[in-house]
Amino acid sequence: MKTIVIIGGIILAGATVIAVMMDQRNEAAKPAISTQGIPPMPAQDGGENPRINPAHGQPGHRCDLAVGAPLVNTDGSPVPAASPQNIQSTPAMPAPAPAGLKVNPPHGQPGHRCDIQVGAPL
């Protein structure tokens, strides 16, 4: 019985040493992050017009910009809308969803996903 306890202790100690070594190795492999050259994010106004793009579904969110991206340039002018990537000559309307199936609500509504067309099944 003592032999089993001793062997178990040795295995546990060895596993602990390996875990510490792996953690140190992972820390050493992480690249250094530099913030030089990155402009600071503009402060958020308390009013209706946010200065950074809020989360999807929040008032003032723009789907053409990443969440957290500035909505105004350094001179205070609004960031122009991105040009559309896919231009369709005839807009494709999704078929009505069967009863009980959830569909993507309009932009700005709770539960909206910008990666899925408005009205398409979720």
PDB file of N, CA and C in Angstrom:
ATOM      1  N   MET A   1       0.826  -1.191   0.000  1.00  0.00           N
ATOM      2  CA  MET A   1       0.000   0.000   0.000  1.00  0.00           C
ATOM      3  C   MET A   1       0.871   1.256   0.000  1.00  0.00           C
ATOM      4  N   LYS A   2       1.984   1.231   0.788  1.00  0.00           N
ATOM      5  CA  LYS A   2       2.883   2.385   0.823  1.00  0.00           C
ATOM      6  C   LYS A   2       3.492   2.631  -0.540  1.00  0.00           C
ATOM      7  N   THR A   3       3.766   1.572  -1.285  1.00  0.00           N
ATOM      8  CA  THR A   3       4.368   1.710  -2.606  1.00  0.00           C
ATOM      9  C   THR A   3       3.417   2.452  -3.542  1.00  0.00           C
ATOM     10  N   ILE A   4       2.149   2.130  -3.486  1.00  0.00           N
ATOM     11  CA  ILE A   4       1.156   2.789  -4.338  1.00  0.00           C
ATOM     12  C   ILE A   4       1.068   4.276  -3.993  1.00  0.00           C
ATOM     13  N   VAL A   5       1.097   4.611  -2.706  1.00  0.00           N
ATOM     14  CA  VAL A   5       1.036   6.008  -2.274  1.00  0.00           C
ATOM     15  C   VAL A   5       2.280   6.756  -2.739  1.00  0.00           C
ATOM     16  N   ILE A   6       3.445   6.142  -2.629  1.00  0.00           N
ATOM     17  CA  ILE A   6       4.697   6.791  -3.053  1.00  0.00           C
ATOM     18  C   ILE A   6       4.694   7.011  -4.559  1.00  0.00           C
ATOM     19  N   ILE A   7       4.289   5.992  -5.324  1.00  0.00           N
ATOM     20  CA  ILE A   7       4.255   6.120  -6.786  1.00  0.00           C
ATOM     21  C   ILE A   7       3.245   7.197  -7.197  1.00  0.00           C
ATOM     22  N   GLY A   8       2.099   7.226  -6.528  1.00  0.00           N
ATOM     23  CA  GLY A   8       1.100   8.254  -6.822  1.00  0.00           C
ATOM     24  C   GLY A   8       1.638   9.649  -6.550  1.00  0.00           C
ATOM     25  N   GLY A   9       2.387   9.810  -5.446  1.00  0.00           N
ATOM     26  CA  GLY A   9       2.989  11.111  -5.121  1.00  0.00           C
ATOM     27  C   GLY A   9       4.003  11.537  -6.159  1.00  0.00           C
ATOM     28  N   ILE A  10       4.800  10.579  -6.635  1.00  0.00           N
ATOM     29  CA  ILE A  10       5.804  10.892  -7.660  1.00  0.00           C
ATOM     30  C   ILE A  10       5.121  11.318  -8.959  1.00  0.00           C
ATOM     31  N   ILE A  11       4.070  10.613  -9.349  1.00  0.00           N
ATOM     32  CA  ILE A  11       3.340  10.956 -10.572  1.00  0.00           C
ATOM     33  C   ILE A  11       2.710  12.343 -10.460  1.00  0.00           C
ATOM     34  N   LEU A  12       2.119  12.633  -9.301  1.00  0.00           N
ATOM     35  CA  LEU A  12       1.496  13.934  -9.078  1.00  0.00           C
ATOM     36  C   LEU A  12       2.530  15.054  -9.128  1.00  0.00           C
ATOM     37  N   ALA A  13       3.684  14.830  -8.501  1.00  0.00           N
ATOM     38  CA  ALA A  13       4.753  15.845  -8.514  1.00  0.00           C
ATOM     39  C   ALA A  13       5.259  16.068  -9.934  1.00  0.00           C
ATOM     40  N   GLY A  14       5.429  14.979 -10.690  1.00  0.00           N
ATOM     41  CA  GLY A  14       5.899  15.108 -12.070  1.00  0.00           C
ATOM     42  C   GLY A  14       4.894  15.858 -12.930  1.00  0.00           C
ATOM     43  N   ALA A  15       3.604  15.576 -12.747  1.00  0.00           N
ATOM     44  CA  ALA A  15       2.579  16.274 -13.523  1.00  0.00           C
ATOM     45  C   ALA A  15       2.560  17.755 -13.196  1.00  0.00           C
ATOM     46  N   THR A  16       2.776  18.091 -11.930  1.00  0.00           N
ATOM     47  CA  THR A  16       2.807  19.496 -11.514  1.00  0.00           C
ATOM     48  C   THR A  16       3.984  20.221 -12.168  1.00  0.00           C
ATOM     49  N   VAL A  17       5.143  19.583 -12.173  1.00  0.00           N
ATOM     50  CA  VAL A  17       6.337  20.192 -12.792  1.00  0.00           C
ATOM     51  C   VAL A  17       6.096  20.403 -14.284  1.00  0.00           C
ATOM     52  N   ILE A  18       5.511  19.430 -14.950  1.00  0.00           N
ATOM     53  CA  ILE A  18       5.244  19.549 -16.385  1.00  0.00           C
ATOM     54  C   ILE A  18       4.251  20.680 -16.648  1.00  0.00           C
ATOM     55  N   ALA A  19       3.216  20.792 -15.809  1.00  0.00           N
ATOM     56  CA  ALA A  19       2.223  21.852 -15.994  1.00  0.00           C
ATOM     57  C   ALA A  19       2.859  23.228 -15.835  1.00  0.00           C
ATOM     58  N   VAL A  20       3.727  23.396 -14.850  1.00  0.00           N
ATOM     59  CA  VAL A  20       4.407  24.683 -14.641  1.00  0.00           C
ATOM     60  C   VAL A  20       5.312  24.994 -15.822  1.00  0.00           C
ATOM     61  N   MET A  21       6.029  23.997 -16.318  1.00  0.00           N
ATOM     62  CA  MET A  21       6.922  24.221 -17.458  1.00  0.00           C
ATOM     63  C   MET A  21       6.137  24.608 -18.707  1.00  0.00           C
ATOM     64  N   MET A  22       4.992  23.967 -18.927  1.00  0.00           N
ATOM     65  CA  MET A  22       4.167  24.291 -20.094  1.00  0.00           C
ATOM     66  C   MET A  22       3.608  25.708 -19.982  1.00  0.00           C
ATOM     67  N   ASP A  23       3.208  26.102 -18.785  1.00  0.00           N
ATOM     68  CA  ASP A  23       2.689  27.445 -18.582  1.00  0.00           C
ATOM     69  C   ASP A  23       3.768  28.486 -18.867  1.00  0.00           C
ATOM     70  N   GLN A  24       4.995  28.239 -18.399  1.00  0.00           N
ATOM     71  CA  GLN A  24       6.094  29.175 -18.649  1.00  0.00           C
ATOM     72  C   GLN A  24       6.412  29.237 -20.137  1.00  0.00           C
ATOM     73  N   ARG A  25       6.347  28.106 -20.796  1.00  0.00           N
ATOM     74  CA  ARG A  25       6.628  28.055 -22.228  1.00  0.00           C
ATOM     75  C   ARG A  25       5.570  28.829 -23.006  1.00  0.00           C
ATOM     76  N   ASN A  26       4.307  28.693 -22.614  1.00  0.00           N
ATOM     77  CA  ASN A  26       3.223  29.422 -23.287  1.00  0.00           C
ATOM     78  C   ASN A  26       3.350  30.915 -23.065  1.00  0.00           C
ATOM     79  N   GLU A  27       3.745  31.330 -21.866  1.00  0.00           N
ATOM     80  CA  GLU A  27       3.927  32.760 -21.586  1.00  0.00           C
ATOM     81  C   GLU A  27       5.056  33.339 -22.439  1.00  0.00           C
ATOM     82  N   ALA A  28       6.128  32.576 -22.600  1.00  0.00           N
ATOM     83  CA  ALA A  28       7.266  33.049 -23.390  1.00  0.00           C
ATOM     84  C   ALA A  28       6.916  33.145 -24.870  1.00  0.00           C
ATOM     85  N   ALA A  29       5.968  32.343 -25.335  1.00  0.00           N
ATOM     86  CA  ALA A  29       5.611  32.322 -26.754  1.00  0.00           C
ATOM     87  C   ALA A  29       4.643  33.434 -27.137  1.00  0.00           C
ATOM     88  N   LYS A  30       4.029  34.107 -26.161  1.00  0.00           N
ATOM     89  CA  LYS A  30       3.075  35.164 -26.474  1.00  0.00           C
ATOM     90  C   LYS A  30       3.808  36.370 -27.060  1.00  0.00           C
ATOM     91  N   PRO A  31       3.294  36.925 -28.167  1.00  0.00           N
ATOM     92  CA  PRO A  31       3.946  38.104 -28.743  1.00  0.00           C
ATOM     93  C   PRO A  31       3.674  39.343 -27.890  1.00  0.00           C
ATOM     94  N   ALA A  32       4.632  40.232 -27.889  1.00  0.00           N
ATOM     95  CA  ALA A  32       4.454  41.495 -27.167  1.00  0.00           C
ATOM     96  C   ALA A  32       3.471  42.361 -27.942  1.00  0.00           C
ATOM     97  N   ILE A  33       2.564  43.005 -27.251  1.00  0.00           N
ATOM     98  CA  ILE A  33       1.558  43.852 -27.883  1.00  0.00           C
ATOM     99  C   ILE A  33       1.976  45.304 -27.693  1.00  0.00           C
ATOM    100  N   SER A  34       2.080  46.005 -28.794  1.00  0.00           N
ATOM    101  CA  SER A  34       2.473  47.407 -28.745  1.00  0.00           C
ATOM    102  C   SER A  34       1.271  48.263 -29.101  1.00  0.00           C
ATOM    103  N   THR A  35       1.078  49.342 -28.366  1.00  0.00           N
ATOM    104  CA  THR A  35      -0.020  50.251 -28.670  1.00  0.00           C
ATOM    105  C   THR A  35       0.484  51.509 -29.370  1.00  0.00           C
ATOM    106  N   GLN A  36       1.754  51.531 -29.762  1.00  0.00           N
ATOM    107  CA  GLN A  36       2.280  52.696 -30.451  1.00  0.00           C
ATOM    108  C   GLN A  36       1.616  52.825 -31.815  1.00  0.00           C
ATOM    109  N   GLY A  37       1.253  54.006 -32.182  1.00  0.00           N
ATOM    110  CA  GLY A  37       0.658  54.273 -33.469  1.00  0.00           C
ATOM    111  C   GLY A  37      -0.846  54.027 -33.521  1.00  0.00           C
ATOM    112  N   ILE A  38      -1.427  53.535 -32.435  1.00  0.00           N
ATOM    113  CA  ILE A  38      -2.866  53.306 -32.399  1.00  0.00           C
ATOM    114  C   ILE A  38      -3.507  54.508 -31.730  1.00  0.00           C
ATOM    115  N   PRO A  39      -4.388  55.213 -32.447  1.00  0.00           N
ATOM    116  CA  PRO A  39      -5.000  56.387 -31.827  1.00  0.00           C
ATOM    117  C   PRO A  39      -5.941  55.967 -30.702  1.00  0.00           C
ATOM    118  N   PRO A  40      -6.050  56.785 -29.659  1.00  0.00           N
ATOM    119  CA  PRO A  40      -6.966  56.437 -28.570  1.00  0.00           C
ATOM    120  C   PRO A  40      -8.402  56.502 -29.062  1.00  0.00           C
ATOM    121  N   MET A  41      -9.244  55.660 -28.472  1.00  0.00           N
ATOM    122  CA  MET A  41     -10.660  55.664 -28.831  1.00  0.00           C
ATOM    123  C   MET A  41     -11.296  56.954 -28.338  1.00  0.00           C
ATOM    124  N   PRO A  42     -12.146  57.573 -29.140  1.00  0.00           N
ATOM    125  CA  PRO A  42     -12.802  58.787 -28.690  1.00  0.00           C
ATOM    126  C   PRO A  42     -13.739  58.492 -27.516  1.00  0.00           C
ATOM    127  N   ALA A  43     -13.898  59.477 -26.660  1.00  0.00           N
ATOM    128  CA  ALA A  43     -14.769  59.312 -25.493  1.00  0.00           C
ATOM    129  C   ALA A  43     -16.216  59.186 -25.929  1.00  0.00           C
ATOM    130  N   GLN A  44     -16.967  58.430 -25.183  1.00  0.00           N
ATOM    131  CA  GLN A  44     -18.385  58.211 -25.486  1.00  0.00           C
ATOM    132  C   GLN A  44     -19.194  59.382 -24.930  1.00  0.00           C
ATOM    133  N   ASP A  45     -19.992  59.997 -25.769  1.00  0.00           N
ATOM    134  CA  ASP A  45     -20.894  61.042 -25.312  1.00  0.00           C
ATOM    135  C   ASP A  45     -22.049  60.391 -24.573  1.00  0.00           C
ATOM    136  N   GLY A  46     -22.653  61.088 -23.657  1.00  0.00           N
ATOM    137  CA  GLY A  46     -23.801  60.545 -22.957  1.00  0.00           C
ATOM    138  C   GLY A  46     -25.091  60.735 -23.724  1.00  0.00           C
ATOM    139  N   GLY A  47     -25.037  61.412 -24.889  1.00  0.00           N
ATOM    140  CA  GLY A  47     -26.248  61.734 -25.639  1.00  0.00           C
ATOM    141  C   GLY A  47     -26.672  60.612 -26.564  1.00  0.00           C
ATOM    142  N   GLU A  48     -27.517  60.979 -27.518  1.00  0.00           N
ATOM    143  CA  GLU A  48     -28.087  60.015 -28.443  1.00  0.00           C
ATOM    144  C   GLU A  48     -27.096  59.586 -29.520  1.00  0.00           C
ATOM    145  N   ASN A  49     -26.096  60.407 -29.851  1.00  0.00           N
ATOM    146  CA  ASN A  49     -25.159  60.094 -30.918  1.00  0.00           C
ATOM    147  C   ASN A  49     -23.851  59.580 -30.328  1.00  0.00           C
ATOM    148  N   PRO A  50     -23.661  58.255 -30.299  1.00  0.00           N
ATOM    149  CA  PRO A  50     -22.423  57.726 -29.730  1.00  0.00           C
ATOM    150  C   PRO A  50     -21.243  58.026 -30.648  1.00  0.00           C
ATOM    151  N   ARG A  51     -20.035  58.085 -30.058  1.00  0.00           N
ATOM    152  CA  ARG A  51     -18.822  58.348 -30.826  1.00  0.00           C
ATOM    153  C   ARG A  51     -18.162  57.058 -31.294  1.00  0.00           C
ATOM    154  N   ILE A  52     -18.534  55.923 -30.656  1.00  0.00           N
ATOM    155  CA  ILE A  52     -18.042  54.632 -31.116  1.00  0.00           C
ATOM    156  C   ILE A  52     -19.251  53.764 -31.450  1.00  0.00           C
ATOM    157  N   ASN A  53     -19.057  52.821 -32.361  1.00  0.00           N
ATOM    158  CA  ASN A  53     -20.163  51.979 -32.817  1.00  0.00           C
ATOM    159  C   ASN A  53     -20.596  51.056 -31.683  1.00  0.00           C
ATOM    160  N   PRO A  54     -21.835  51.204 -31.205  1.00  0.00           N
ATOM    161  CA  PRO A  54     -22.300  50.355 -30.103  1.00  0.00           C
ATOM    162  C   PRO A  54     -22.573  48.930 -30.573  1.00  0.00           C
ATOM    163  N   ALA A  55     -22.901  48.063 -29.641  1.00  0.00           N
ATOM    164  CA  ALA A  55     -23.179  46.660 -29.945  1.00  0.00           C
ATOM    165  C   ALA A  55     -24.385  46.538 -30.861  1.00  0.00           C
ATOM    166  N   HIS A  56     -24.463  45.424 -31.577  1.00  0.00           N
ATOM    167  CA  HIS A  56     -25.596  45.160 -32.460  1.00  0.00           C
ATOM    168  C   HIS A  56     -26.889  45.253 -31.671  1.00  0.00           C
ATOM    169  N   GLY A  57     -27.877  45.904 -32.236  1.00  0.00           N
ATOM    170  CA  GLY A  57     -29.176  46.045 -31.591  1.00  0.00           C
ATOM    171  C   GLY A  57     -29.287  47.288 -30.724  1.00  0.00           C
ATOM    172  N   GLN A  58     -28.170  47.971 -30.447  1.00  0.00           N
ATOM    173  CA  GLN A  58     -28.211  49.182 -29.635  1.00  0.00           C
ATOM    174  C   GLN A  58     -28.471  50.382 -30.536  1.00  0.00           C
ATOM    175  N   PRO A  59     -29.078  51.444 -29.985  1.00  0.00           N
ATOM    176  CA  PRO A  59     -29.318  52.650 -30.792  1.00  0.00           C
ATOM    177  C   PRO A  59     -28.008  53.223 -31.337  1.00  0.00           C
ATOM    178  N   GLY A  60     -28.007  53.596 -32.588  1.00  0.00           N
ATOM    179  CA  GLY A  60     -26.836  54.200 -33.220  1.00  0.00           C
ATOM    180  C   GLY A  60     -25.888  53.183 -33.828  1.00  0.00           C
ATOM    181  N   HIS A  61     -26.187  51.880 -33.751  1.00  0.00           N
ATOM    182  CA  HIS A  61     -25.286  50.874 -34.317  1.00  0.00           C
ATOM    183  C   HIS A  61     -25.299  50.932 -35.835  1.00  0.00           C
ATOM    184  N   ARG A  62     -24.113  50.815 -36.424  1.00  0.00           N
ATOM    185  CA  ARG A  62     -23.970  50.744 -37.871  1.00  0.00           C
ATOM    186  C   ARG A  62     -23.389  49.390 -38.236  1.00  0.00           C
ATOM    187  N   CYS A  63     -24.102  48.647 -39.035  1.00  0.00           N
ATOM    188  CA  CYS A  63     -23.664  47.302 -39.410  1.00  0.00           C
ATOM    189  C   CYS A  63     -22.462  47.322 -40.350  1.00  0.00           C
ATOM    190  N   ASP A  64     -22.218  48.454 -41.032  1.00  0.00           N
ATOM    191  CA  ASP A  64     -21.085  48.511 -41.950  1.00  0.00           C
ATOM    192  C   ASP A  64     -19.765  48.767 -41.230  1.00  0.00           C
ATOM    193  N   LEU A  65     -19.810  49.011 -39.917  1.00  0.00           N
ATOM    194  CA  LEU A  65     -18.604  49.221 -39.117  1.00  0.00           C
ATOM    195  C   LEU A  65     -18.532  48.177 -38.012  1.00  0.00           C
ATOM    196  N   ALA A  66     -17.329  47.848 -37.606  1.00  0.00           N
ATOM    197  CA  ALA A  66     -17.151  46.894 -36.510  1.00  0.00           C
ATOM    198  C   ALA A  66     -17.622  47.516 -35.201  1.00  0.00           C
ATOM    199  N   VAL A  67     -18.117  46.682 -34.304  1.00  0.00           N
ATOM    200  CA  VAL A  67     -18.512  47.158 -32.980  1.00  0.00           C
ATOM    201  C   VAL A  67     -17.267  47.737 -32.301  1.00  0.00           C
ATOM    202  N   GLY A  68     -17.386  48.937 -31.742  1.00  0.00           N
ATOM    203  CA  GLY A  68     -16.263  49.611 -31.085  1.00  0.00           C
ATOM    204  C   GLY A  68     -15.460  50.513 -32.000  1.00  0.00           C
ATOM    205  N   ALA A  69     -15.755  50.499 -33.306  1.00  0.00           N
ATOM    206  CA  ALA A  69     -15.046  51.362 -34.252  1.00  0.00           C
ATOM    207  C   ALA A  69     -15.545  52.794 -34.094  1.00  0.00           C
ATOM    208  N   PRO A  70     -14.672  53.782 -34.336  1.00  0.00           N
ATOM    209  CA  PRO A  70     -15.109  55.177 -34.235  1.00  0.00           C
ATOM    210  C   PRO A  70     -16.179  55.490 -35.270  1.00  0.00           C
ATOM    211  N   LEU A  71     -17.167  56.287 -34.838  1.00  0.00           N
ATOM    212  CA  LEU A  71     -18.220  56.731 -35.754  1.00  0.00           C
ATOM    213  C   LEU A  71     -17.925  58.117 -36.312  1.00  0.00           C
ATOM    214  N   VAL A  72     -16.927  58.788 -35.727  1.00  0.00           N
ATOM    215  CA  VAL A  72     -16.543  60.118 -36.190  1.00  0.00           C
ATOM    216  C   VAL A  72     -15.040  60.146 -36.440  1.00  0.00           C
ATOM    217  N   ASN A  73     -14.633  60.960 -37.418  1.00  0.00           N
ATOM    218  CA  ASN A  73     -13.216  61.158 -37.699  1.00  0.00           C
ATOM    219  C   ASN A  73     -12.605  62.067 -36.644  1.00  0.00           C
ATOM    220  N   THR A  74     -11.290  62.205 -36.664  1.00  0.00           N
ATOM    221  CA  THR A  74     -10.610  63.056 -35.682  1.00  0.00           C
ATOM    222  C   THR A  74     -11.047  64.503 -35.774  1.00  0.00           C
ATOM    223  N   ASP A  75     -11.529  64.942 -36.955  1.00  0.00           N
ATOM    224  CA  ASP A  75     -11.990  66.320 -37.096  1.00  0.00           C
ATOM    225  C   ASP A  75     -13.457  66.487 -36.691  1.00  0.00           C
ATOM    226  N   GLY A  76     -14.097  65.385 -36.241  1.00  0.00           N
ATOM    227  CA  GLY A  76     -15.479  65.461 -35.790  1.00  0.00           C
ATOM    228  C   GLY A  76     -16.501  65.126 -36.856  1.00  0.00           C
ATOM    229  N   SER A  77     -16.051  64.954 -38.106  1.00  0.00           N
ATOM    230  CA  SER A  77     -16.992  64.614 -39.170  1.00  0.00           C
ATOM    231  C   SER A  77     -17.349  63.129 -39.095  1.00  0.00           C
ATOM    232  N   PRO A  78     -18.571  62.774 -39.492  1.00  0.00           N
ATOM    233  CA  PRO A  78     -18.974  61.368 -39.419  1.00  0.00           C
ATOM    234  C   PRO A  78     -18.175  60.499 -40.386  1.00  0.00           C
ATOM    235  N   VAL A  79     -17.941  59.258 -39.999  1.00  0.00           N
ATOM    236  CA  VAL A  79     -17.269  58.303 -40.867  1.00  0.00           C
ATOM    237  C   VAL A  79     -18.233  57.963 -42.001  1.00  0.00           C
ATOM    238  N   PRO A  80     -17.778  58.050 -43.253  1.00  0.00           N
ATOM    239  CA  PRO A  80     -18.685  57.759 -44.364  1.00  0.00           C
ATOM    240  C   PRO A  80     -19.064  56.284 -44.379  1.00  0.00           C
ATOM    241  N   ALA A  81     -20.228  56.007 -44.935  1.00  0.00           N
ATOM    242  CA  ALA A  81     -20.703  54.621 -45.047  1.00  0.00           C
ATOM    243  C   ALA A  81     -19.810  53.870 -46.022  1.00  0.00           C
ATOM    244  N   ALA A  82     -19.558  52.609 -45.702  1.00  0.00           N
ATOM    245  CA  ALA A  82     -18.757  51.768 -46.585  1.00  0.00           C
ATOM    246  C   ALA A  82     -19.546  51.485 -47.847  1.00  0.00           C
ATOM    247  N   SER A  83     -18.825  51.392 -48.978  1.00  0.00           N
ATOM    248  CA  SER A  83     -19.514  51.073 -50.222  1.00  0.00           C
ATOM    249  C   SER A  83     -19.927  49.608 -50.186  1.00  0.00           C
ATOM    250  N   PRO A  84     -21.092  49.294 -50.720  1.00  0.00           N
ATOM    251  CA  PRO A  84     -21.571  47.913 -50.672  1.00  0.00           C
ATOM    252  C   PRO A  84     -20.661  46.981 -51.452  1.00  0.00           C
ATOM    253  N   GLN A  85     -20.454  45.792 -50.932  1.00  0.00           N
ATOM    254  CA  GLN A  85     -19.609  44.795 -51.583  1.00  0.00           C
ATOM    255  C   GLN A  85     -20.371  44.039 -52.670  1.00  0.00           C
ATOM    256  N   ASN A  86     -21.610  43.712 -52.412  1.00  0.00           N
ATOM    257  CA  ASN A  86     -22.440  42.951 -53.340  1.00  0.00           C
ATOM    258  C   ASN A  86     -23.591  43.839 -53.802  1.00  0.00           C
ATOM    259  N   ILE A  87     -23.623  44.146 -55.076  1.00  0.00           N
ATOM    260  CA  ILE A  87     -24.721  44.951 -55.598  1.00  0.00           C
ATOM    261  C   ILE A  87     -25.593  44.033 -56.437  1.00  0.00           C
ATOM    262  N   GLN A  88     -26.857  43.920 -56.052  1.00  0.00           N
ATOM    263  CA  GLN A  88     -27.793  43.071 -56.783  1.00  0.00           C
ATOM    264  C   GLN A  88     -28.702  43.956 -57.613  1.00  0.00           C
ATOM    265  N   SER A  89     -28.981  43.520 -58.832  1.00  0.00           N
ATOM    266  CA  SER A  89     -29.853  44.327 -59.677  1.00  0.00           C
ATOM    267  C   SER A  89     -31.305  44.231 -59.216  1.00  0.00           C
ATOM    268  N   THR A  90     -31.701  43.085 -58.706  1.00  0.00           N
ATOM    269  CA  THR A  90     -33.041  42.934 -58.157  1.00  0.00           C
ATOM    270  C   THR A  90     -32.897  42.425 -56.723  1.00  0.00           C
ATOM    271  N   PRO A  91     -33.464  43.141 -55.777  1.00  0.00           N
ATOM    272  CA  PRO A  91     -33.311  42.696 -54.393  1.00  0.00           C
ATOM    273  C   PRO A  91     -33.999  41.355 -54.180  1.00  0.00           C
ATOM    274  N   ALA A  92     -33.297  40.466 -53.506  1.00  0.00           N
ATOM    275  CA  ALA A  92     -33.855  39.141 -53.219  1.00  0.00           C
ATOM    276  C   ALA A  92     -34.620  39.218 -51.915  1.00  0.00           C
ATOM    277  N   MET A  93     -35.887  38.909 -51.977  1.00  0.00           N
ATOM    278  CA  MET A  93     -36.709  38.912 -50.775  1.00  0.00           C
ATOM    279  C   MET A  93     -36.813  37.478 -50.273  1.00  0.00           C
ATOM    280  N   PRO A  94     -36.516  37.256 -48.992  1.00  0.00           N
ATOM    281  CA  PRO A  94     -36.632  35.895 -48.480  1.00  0.00           C
ATOM    282  C   PRO A  94     -38.094  35.463 -48.434  1.00  0.00           C
ATOM    283  N   ALA A  95     -38.278  34.169 -48.593  1.00  0.00           N
ATOM    284  CA  ALA A  95     -39.637  33.621 -48.507  1.00  0.00           C
ATOM    285  C   ALA A  95     -40.114  33.739 -47.074  1.00  0.00           C
ATOM    286  N   PRO A  96     -41.426  33.904 -46.873  1.00  0.00           N
ATOM    287  CA  PRO A  96     -41.927  33.985 -45.505  1.00  0.00           C
ATOM    288  C   PRO A  96     -41.548  32.724 -44.730  1.00  0.00           C
ATOM    289  N   ALA A  97     -41.166  32.922 -43.484  1.00  0.00           N
ATOM    290  CA  ALA A  97     -40.753  31.795 -42.642  1.00  0.00           C
ATOM    291  C   ALA A  97     -41.965  31.010 -42.183  1.00  0.00           C
ATOM    292  N   PRO A  98     -41.819  29.689 -42.072  1.00  0.00           N
ATOM    293  CA  PRO A  98     -42.930  28.889 -41.553  1.00  0.00           C
ATOM    294  C   PRO A  98     -43.280  29.323 -40.133  1.00  0.00           C
ATOM    295  N   ALA A  99     -44.496  29.054 -39.723  1.00  0.00           N
ATOM    296  CA  ALA A  99     -44.961  29.442 -38.388  1.00  0.00           C
ATOM    297  C   ALA A  99     -44.054  28.833 -37.323  1.00  0.00           C
ATOM    298  N   GLY A 100     -43.704  29.636 -36.358  1.00  0.00           N
ATOM    299  CA  GLY A 100     -42.880  29.172 -35.248  1.00  0.00           C
ATOM    300  C   GLY A 100     -41.388  29.324 -35.498  1.00  0.00           C
ATOM    301  N   LEU A 101     -40.963  29.660 -36.717  1.00  0.00           N
ATOM    302  CA  LEU A 101     -39.546  29.820 -37.024  1.00  0.00           C
ATOM    303  C   LEU A 101     -39.168  31.284 -36.845  1.00  0.00           C
ATOM    304  N   LYS A 102     -38.097  31.546 -36.132  1.00  0.00           N
ATOM    305  CA  LYS A 102     -37.657  32.924 -35.900  1.00  0.00           C
ATOM    306  C   LYS A 102     -36.913  33.436 -37.123  1.00  0.00           C
ATOM    307  N   VAL A 103     -37.140  34.727 -37.438  1.00  0.00           N
ATOM    308  CA  VAL A 103     -36.470  35.360 -38.565  1.00  0.00           C
ATOM    309  C   VAL A 103     -35.632  36.526 -38.052  1.00  0.00           C
ATOM    310  N   ASN A 104     -34.658  36.931 -38.853  1.00  0.00           N
ATOM    311  CA  ASN A 104     -33.769  38.036 -38.506  1.00  0.00           C
ATOM    312  C   ASN A 104     -34.551  39.347 -38.554  1.00  0.00           C
ATOM    313  N   PRO A 105     -34.661  40.049 -37.419  1.00  0.00           N
ATOM    314  CA  PRO A 105     -35.407  41.309 -37.401  1.00  0.00           C
ATOM    315  C   PRO A 105     -34.639  42.426 -38.106  1.00  0.00           C
ATOM    316  N   PRO A 106     -35.282  43.568 -38.341  1.00  0.00           N
ATOM    317  CA  PRO A 106     -34.612  44.697 -39.001  1.00  0.00           C
ATOM    318  C   PRO A 106     -33.412  45.200 -38.196  1.00  0.00           C
ATOM    319  N   HIS A 107     -32.512  45.900 -38.893  1.00  0.00           N
ATOM    320  CA  HIS A 107     -31.327  46.482 -38.260  1.00  0.00           C
ATOM    321  C   HIS A 107     -31.753  47.353 -37.079  1.00  0.00           C
ATOM    322  N   GLY A 108     -31.053  47.205 -35.983  1.00  0.00           N
ATOM    323  CA  GLY A 108     -31.328  48.004 -34.795  1.00  0.00           C
ATOM    324  C   GLY A 108     -32.309  47.351 -33.840  1.00  0.00           C
ATOM    325  N   GLN A 109     -32.996  46.310 -34.285  1.00  0.00           N
ATOM    326  CA  GLN A 109     -33.949  45.619 -33.419  1.00  0.00           C
ATOM    327  C   GLN A 109     -33.203  44.562 -32.599  1.00  0.00           C
ATOM    328  N   PRO A 110     -33.692  44.268 -31.397  1.00  0.00           N
ATOM    329  CA  PRO A 110     -33.047  43.219 -30.590  1.00  0.00           C
ATOM    330  C   PRO A 110     -33.034  41.886 -31.328  1.00  0.00           C
ATOM    331  N   GLY A 111     -31.908  41.209 -31.283  1.00  0.00           N
ATOM    332  CA  GLY A 111     -31.764  39.913 -31.925  1.00  0.00           C
ATOM    333  C   GLY A 111     -31.312  39.976 -33.373  1.00  0.00           C
ATOM    334  N   HIS A 112     -31.108  41.195 -33.915  1.00  0.00           N
ATOM    335  CA  HIS A 112     -30.676  41.319 -35.313  1.00  0.00           C
ATOM    336  C   HIS A 112     -29.246  40.835 -35.471  1.00  0.00           C
ATOM    337  N   ARG A 113     -28.989  40.100 -36.541  1.00  0.00           N
ATOM    338  CA  ARG A 113     -27.634  39.665 -36.898  1.00  0.00           C
ATOM    339  C   ARG A 113     -27.302  40.259 -38.255  1.00  0.00           C
ATOM    340  N   CYS A 114     -26.208  41.029 -38.288  1.00  0.00           N
ATOM    341  CA  CYS A 114     -25.829  41.719 -39.525  1.00  0.00           C
ATOM    342  C   CYS A 114     -25.327  40.760 -40.604  1.00  0.00           C
ATOM    343  N   ASP A 115     -24.882  39.569 -40.211  1.00  0.00           N
ATOM    344  CA  ASP A 115     -24.367  38.620 -41.187  1.00  0.00           C
ATOM    345  C   ASP A 115     -25.466  37.843 -41.903  1.00  0.00           C
ATOM    346  N   ILE A 116     -26.717  38.034 -41.483  1.00  0.00           N
ATOM    347  CA  ILE A 116     -27.847  37.346 -42.086  1.00  0.00           C
ATOM    348  C   ILE A 116     -28.810  38.411 -42.612  1.00  0.00           C
ATOM    349  N   GLN A 117     -29.377  38.161 -43.793  1.00  0.00           N
ATOM    350  CA  GLN A 117     -30.301  39.113 -44.397  1.00  0.00           C
ATOM    351  C   GLN A 117     -31.531  39.311 -43.527  1.00  0.00           C
ATOM    352  N   VAL A 118     -32.028  40.544 -43.479  1.00  0.00           N
ATOM    353  CA  VAL A 118     -33.232  40.840 -42.713  1.00  0.00           C
ATOM    354  C   VAL A 118     -34.374  39.992 -43.253  1.00  0.00           C
ATOM    355  N   GLY A 119     -35.112  39.336 -42.359  1.00  0.00           N
ATOM    356  CA  GLY A 119     -36.231  38.493 -42.747  1.00  0.00           C
ATOM    357  C   GLY A 119     -35.871  37.034 -43.012  1.00  0.00           C
ATOM    358  N   ALA A 120     -34.560  36.736 -43.079  1.00  0.00           N
ATOM    359  CA  ALA A 120     -34.135  35.358 -43.313  1.00  0.00           C
ATOM    360  C   ALA A 120     -34.260  34.564 -42.008  1.00  0.00           C
ATOM    361  N   PRO A 121     -34.494  33.251 -42.104  1.00  0.00           N
ATOM    362  CA  PRO A 121     -34.602  32.435 -40.877  1.00  0.00           C
ATOM    363  C   PRO A 121     -33.304  32.460 -40.092  1.00  0.00           C
ATOM    364  N   LEU A 122     -33.427  32.461 -38.763  1.00  0.00           N
ATOM    365  CA  LEU A 122     -32.247  32.446 -37.901  1.00  0.00           C
ATOM    366  C   LEU A 122     -31.833  31.032 -37.589  1.00  0.00           C
TER     367      LEU A 122
END
